[in-house]
């Protein structure tokens, strides 16, 4: 008899049973805790985790700048939140918005040198934090975990966009 024969398998427990792990709670706890840890690490740089994410996303999109909508989609945020975030970032000299060359309703977002400098100063903190979290898993499981998490994230996005 193996060590697992007396354990109840998750598949035998109804999704709403008190003994079952809850996906929304686990995702929220992981995101919130990671966000707070990163916020504390970069507090001296006058940048928030969301601003760092915007900068990283725009850097990865260079030399093409992104529209506000494309940025919102890329970081899974709503347009109002992005507009407010970009307004603050523009006021802090991190980004510049300019009208889209073909769509007058859209704005392109460009990084300013200050944003790039702050990103470079903080990037190592982000790498170390991610490494510390992933180090909690066996090395052979890390990429599989990230791949599975990506599947879950895409399923959640599809449900949110009514594409189930």
Protein backbone atom coordinates (compact mmCIF):
# COMPACT_ATOMS: atom_id res chain seq x y z
CA UNK A 1 0.00 0.00 0.00
CA UNK A 2 1.50 3.34 -1.02
CA UNK A 3 1.63 6.48 1.12
CA UNK A 4 -1.23 8.16 -0.78
CA UNK A 5 -3.86 5.43 -0.51
CA UNK A 6 -5.35 6.89 2.68
CA UNK A 7 -5.41 10.48 1.41
CA UNK A 8 -8.48 11.96 -0.20
CA UNK A 9 -7.78 13.09 -3.74
CA UNK A 10 -8.81 16.63 -4.72
CA UNK A 11 -10.93 15.19 -7.50
CA UNK A 12 -13.04 13.38 -4.89
CA UNK A 13 -13.85 16.60 -3.02
CA UNK A 14 -16.59 18.86 -4.42
CA UNK A 15 -15.32 22.24 -5.61
CA UNK A 16 -17.31 24.06 -2.94
CA UNK A 17 -16.31 21.82 -0.02
CA UNK A 18 -14.61 23.62 2.92
CA UNK A 19 -11.63 21.22 2.72
CA UNK A 20 -10.94 22.08 -0.93
CA UNK A 21 -8.29 24.57 -2.00
CA UNK A 22 -9.89 27.65 -3.58
CA UNK A 23 -8.36 28.93 -6.81
CA UNK A 24 -9.53 32.56 -6.42
CA UNK A 25 -8.24 32.81 -2.85
CA UNK A 26 -4.88 31.23 -3.72
CA UNK A 27 -4.42 33.43 -6.79
CA UNK A 28 -5.34 36.54 -4.83
CA UNK A 29 -3.06 35.65 -1.90
CA UNK A 30 -0.15 34.96 -4.24
CA UNK A 31 -0.66 38.16 -6.26
CA UNK A 32 -1.26 40.37 -3.21
CA UNK A 33 1.71 39.04 -1.27
CA UNK A 34 4.06 39.29 -4.26
CA UNK A 35 2.81 42.80 -5.02
CA UNK A 36 3.32 43.96 -1.43
CA UNK A 37 6.79 42.44 -1.20
CA UNK A 38 7.80 44.17 -4.43
CA UNK A 39 6.22 47.45 -3.30
CA UNK A 40 8.36 47.40 -0.14
CA UNK A 41 11.53 46.58 -2.09
CA UNK A 42 11.12 49.48 -4.54
CA UNK A 43 9.55 52.09 -2.26
CA UNK A 44 12.71 54.25 -2.26
CA UNK A 45 12.61 54.52 -6.06
CA UNK A 46 9.31 56.42 -6.15
CA UNK A 47 7.70 53.79 -8.35
CA UNK A 48 4.81 51.40 -7.79
CA UNK A 49 4.64 47.78 -8.97
CA UNK A 50 1.98 48.77 -11.51
CA UNK A 51 4.21 51.52 -12.89
CA UNK A 52 7.11 49.06 -13.11
CA UNK A 53 4.85 46.67 -15.04
CA UNK A 54 3.85 49.44 -17.45
CA UNK A 55 7.49 50.39 -18.02
CA UNK A 56 8.56 46.78 -18.54
CA UNK A 57 5.68 46.17 -20.97
CA UNK A 58 6.50 49.29 -22.96
CA UNK A 59 10.21 48.40 -23.06
CA UNK A 60 9.36 44.94 -24.38
CA UNK A 61 7.20 46.58 -27.08
CA UNK A 62 9.95 48.93 -28.30
CA UNK A 63 10.66 50.24 -30.85
CA UNK A 64 6.90 50.20 -31.38
CA UNK A 65 5.07 52.15 -28.73
CA UNK A 66 1.71 50.79 -27.57
CA UNK A 67 -1.69 52.39 -27.49
CA UNK A 68 -3.36 52.76 -24.12
CA UNK A 69 -5.79 49.97 -25.08
CA UNK A 70 -3.00 47.61 -26.14
CA UNK A 71 -1.20 48.38 -22.88
CA UNK A 72 -4.37 47.68 -20.86
CA UNK A 73 -4.77 44.35 -22.67
CA UNK A 74 -1.11 43.43 -22.24
CA UNK A 75 -1.14 43.90 -18.46
CA UNK A 76 -4.74 42.71 -17.90
CA UNK A 77 -6.12 45.99 -16.67
CA UNK A 78 -9.13 48.09 -17.50
CA UNK A 79 -8.89 51.25 -19.63
CA UNK A 80 -9.91 53.61 -16.80
CA UNK A 81 -7.21 52.27 -14.49
CA UNK A 82 -4.60 52.57 -17.24
CA UNK A 83 -5.68 56.14 -18.07
CA UNK A 84 -5.34 57.15 -14.42
CA UNK A 85 -2.02 55.35 -14.02
CA UNK A 86 -0.61 56.95 -17.18
CA UNK A 87 -1.78 60.37 -16.06
CA UNK A 88 0.25 60.01 -12.86
CA UNK A 89 3.23 58.60 -14.75
CA UNK A 90 3.07 61.46 -17.25
CA UNK A 91 3.02 63.95 -14.39
CA UNK A 92 6.11 62.26 -12.92
CA UNK A 93 8.02 62.49 -16.21
CA UNK A 94 7.98 58.74 -16.89
CA UNK A 95 5.86 58.56 -20.04
CA UNK A 96 4.52 60.73 -22.80
CA UNK A 97 1.21 60.19 -24.57
CA UNK A 98 0.76 61.35 -28.11
CA UNK A 99 -2.10 60.98 -30.57
CA UNK A 100 -2.07 57.82 -32.67
CA UNK A 101 -1.03 58.54 -36.23
CA UNK A 102 -4.07 56.76 -37.77
CA UNK A 103 -6.72 56.67 -35.03
CA UNK A 104 -7.57 60.02 -33.48
CA UNK A 105 -9.39 58.30 -30.61
CA UNK A 106 -6.25 56.45 -29.50
CA UNK A 107 -3.06 57.56 -27.78
CA UNK A 108 0.36 56.00 -28.13
CA UNK A 109 2.43 55.73 -24.96
CA UNK A 110 6.16 56.33 -25.06
CA UNK A 111 8.72 55.91 -22.31
CA UNK A 112 10.86 58.83 -21.28
CA UNK A 113 14.52 58.40 -20.22
CA UNK A 114 13.66 58.70 -16.50
CA UNK A 115 11.41 55.63 -16.74
CA UNK A 116 14.14 53.61 -18.41
CA UNK A 117 16.63 54.64 -15.73
CA UNK A 118 14.25 53.68 -12.91
CA UNK A 119 13.50 50.36 -14.59
CA UNK A 120 17.19 49.50 -14.83
CA UNK A 121 17.69 50.42 -11.17
CA UNK A 122 14.79 48.22 -10.02
CA UNK A 123 14.95 45.32 -12.48
CA UNK A 124 17.33 43.27 -10.32
CA UNK A 125 14.93 43.52 -7.35
CA UNK A 126 12.16 42.07 -9.53
CA UNK A 127 14.39 39.24 -10.75
CA UNK A 128 15.53 38.37 -7.22
CA UNK A 129 11.99 38.39 -5.86
CA UNK A 130 10.71 36.17 -8.65
CA UNK A 131 13.66 33.85 -8.17
CA UNK A 132 13.01 33.60 -4.43
CA UNK A 133 9.36 32.69 -5.01
CA UNK A 134 10.11 30.14 -7.72
CA UNK A 135 12.87 28.63 -5.57
CA UNK A 136 10.07 27.29 -3.36
CA UNK A 137 9.34 24.75 -6.10
CA UNK A 138 11.63 21.95 -7.20
CA UNK A 139 13.77 23.19 -10.10
CA UNK A 140 12.25 20.70 -12.53
CA UNK A 141 8.72 21.93 -11.75
CA UNK A 142 9.20 25.69 -12.22
CA UNK A 143 8.65 25.99 -15.96
CA UNK A 144 5.77 23.53 -15.81
CA UNK A 145 4.16 25.59 -13.04
CA UNK A 146 4.54 28.82 -15.04
CA UNK A 147 3.12 27.11 -18.11
CA UNK A 148 0.13 25.82 -16.15
CA UNK A 149 -0.39 29.23 -14.56
CA UNK A 150 -0.40 30.75 -18.04
CA UNK A 151 -3.16 28.31 -19.06
CA UNK A 152 -5.19 29.34 -16.00
CA UNK A 153 -4.60 33.05 -16.69
CA UNK A 154 -5.73 32.66 -20.30
CA UNK A 155 -8.82 30.71 -19.24
CA UNK A 156 -9.69 33.47 -16.78
CA UNK A 157 -9.16 36.13 -19.47
CA UNK A 158 -11.38 34.23 -21.89
CA UNK A 159 -14.15 33.90 -19.32
CA UNK A 160 -13.82 37.59 -18.50
CA UNK A 161 -14.16 38.42 -22.20
CA UNK A 162 -17.07 35.95 -22.57
CA UNK A 163 -15.05 33.67 -24.84
CA UNK A 164 -15.62 30.51 -22.83
